[in-house]
Structure formats: structure tokens, C-alpha cells
């Protein structure tokens, strides 16, 4: 059997280094746009829930 690497992968991959593969995100425009888009949508959803709670007297 092969021994697995038990080290935690790094979060962001340098786009210039093609040899290393154990990264969660890559440092490119698609990843930055996708992460930014998801964060903005989550913030908008939280604000929408707070506004709804205010108008429905759930506070």
C-alpha cells in the first residue's frame, strides 16, 4: 500500500508553480471571481434575513 501524505494542504496555489497539486484554490481570476461572488451572495442573503426578521417582528 502507498502511504498518504497527512499534511494539511495549502489554501492558495501560486499560479507560477505547476509542480505542486495539493491546494484548495488557485491564484487566478476565475477563483478570485468565484470566491468574491459567493461571499457577496452570502452577505446579501444574511441582510435579507435580517430585514425580513425586522419587518415580521422576530427580533
C-alpha atoms as a PDB file:
ATOM      1  CA  UNK A   1       0.000   0.000   0.000  1.00  0.00           C
ATOM      2  CA  UNK A   2       1.044   3.552  -0.538  1.00  0.00           C
ATOM      3  CA  UNK A   3       1.419   5.927   2.347  1.00  0.00           C
ATOM      4  CA  UNK A   4      -0.772   9.025   2.105  1.00  0.00           C
ATOM      5  CA  UNK A   5       0.579  12.446   2.903  1.00  0.00           C
ATOM      6  CA  UNK A   6      -1.098  13.501   6.142  1.00  0.00           C
ATOM      7  CA  UNK A   7      -0.099  17.145   5.901  1.00  0.00           C
ATOM      8  CA  UNK A   8      -2.802  19.743   5.519  1.00  0.00           C
ATOM      9  CA  UNK A   9      -2.968  21.192   2.015  1.00  0.00           C
ATOM     10  CA  UNK A  10      -2.209  24.844   1.489  1.00  0.00           C
ATOM     11  CA  UNK A  11      -5.140  27.118   0.719  1.00  0.00           C
ATOM     12  CA  UNK A  12      -3.963  29.128  -2.301  1.00  0.00           C
ATOM     13  CA  UNK A  13      -1.732  27.818  -5.075  1.00  0.00           C
ATOM     14  CA  UNK A  14       0.785  30.089  -6.719  1.00  0.00           C
ATOM     15  CA  UNK A  15      -0.143  30.188 -10.390  1.00  0.00           C
ATOM     16  CA  UNK A  16       3.519  30.003 -11.432  1.00  0.00           C
ATOM     17  CA  UNK A  17       4.196  26.692  -9.676  1.00  0.00           C
ATOM     18  CA  UNK A  18       2.790  23.833 -11.773  1.00  0.00           C
ATOM     19  CA  UNK A  19       4.543  21.031  -9.847  1.00  0.00           C
ATOM     20  CA  UNK A  20       2.570  21.238  -6.615  1.00  0.00           C
ATOM     21  CA  UNK A  21      -1.001  19.978  -6.696  1.00  0.00           C
ATOM     22  CA  UNK A  22      -2.262  19.893  -3.098  1.00  0.00           C
ATOM     23  CA  UNK A  23      -4.046  23.245  -2.989  1.00  0.00           C
ATOM     24  CA  UNK A  24      -7.690  24.095  -2.425  1.00  0.00           C
ATOM     25  CA  UNK A  25      -7.752  27.296  -4.509  1.00  0.00           C
ATOM     26  CA  UNK A  26      -5.620  28.508  -7.371  1.00  0.00           C
ATOM     27  CA  UNK A  27      -4.379  32.075  -7.668  1.00  0.00           C
ATOM     28  CA  UNK A  28      -6.198  33.021 -10.865  1.00  0.00           C
ATOM     29  CA  UNK A  29      -9.051  35.287 -11.969  1.00  0.00           C
ATOM     30  CA  UNK A  30     -11.722  32.567 -12.003  1.00  0.00           C
ATOM     31  CA  UNK A  31     -11.076  31.589  -8.401  1.00  0.00           C
ATOM     32  CA  UNK A  32     -10.993  35.185  -7.174  1.00  0.00           C
ATOM     33  CA  UNK A  33     -14.234  35.986  -9.017  1.00  0.00           C
ATOM     34  CA  UNK A  34     -15.959  32.838  -7.778  1.00  0.00           C
ATOM     35  CA  UNK A  35     -14.969  33.366  -4.155  1.00  0.00           C
ATOM     36  CA  UNK A  36     -15.945  37.046  -4.291  1.00  0.00           C
ATOM     37  CA  UNK A  37     -19.295  36.215  -5.871  1.00  0.00           C
ATOM     38  CA  UNK A  38     -20.103  33.602  -3.228  1.00  0.00           C
ATOM     39  CA  UNK A  39     -19.163  35.959  -0.381  1.00  0.00           C
ATOM     40  CA  UNK A  40     -21.327  38.766  -1.805  1.00  0.00           C
ATOM     41  CA  UNK A  41     -24.308  36.433  -2.263  1.00  0.00           C
ATOM     42  CA  UNK A  42     -23.980  35.134   1.309  1.00  0.00           C
ATOM     43  CA  UNK A  43     -23.845  38.686   2.687  1.00  0.00           C
ATOM     44  CA  UNK A  44     -26.934  39.639   0.670  1.00  0.00           C
ATOM     45  CA  UNK A  45     -28.795  36.595   1.976  1.00  0.00           C
ATOM     46  CA  UNK A  46     -27.903  37.449   5.579  1.00  0.00           C
ATOM     47  CA  UNK A  47     -29.069  41.042   5.076  1.00  0.00           C
ATOM     48  CA  UNK A  48     -32.314  39.794   3.513  1.00  0.00           C
ATOM     49  CA  UNK A  49     -32.971  37.542   6.518  1.00  0.00           C
ATOM     50  CA  UNK A  50     -32.284  40.409   8.935  1.00  0.00           C
ATOM     51  CA  UNK A  51     -34.624  42.760   7.031  1.00  0.00           C
ATOM     52  CA  UNK A  52     -37.323  40.087   6.955  1.00  0.00           C
ATOM     53  CA  UNK A  53     -36.922  39.496  10.696  1.00  0.00           C
ATOM     54  CA  UNK A  54     -37.228  43.236  11.326  1.00  0.00           C
ATOM     55  CA  UNK A  55     -40.438  43.601   9.312  1.00  0.00           C
ATOM     56  CA  UNK A  56     -42.012  40.464  10.782  1.00  0.00           C
ATOM     57  CA  UNK A  57     -41.092  41.459  14.366  1.00  0.00           C
ATOM     58  CA  UNK A  58     -38.898  38.393  15.001  1.00  0.00           C
ATOM     59  CA  UNK A  59     -36.273  40.356  16.909  1.00  0.00           C
END
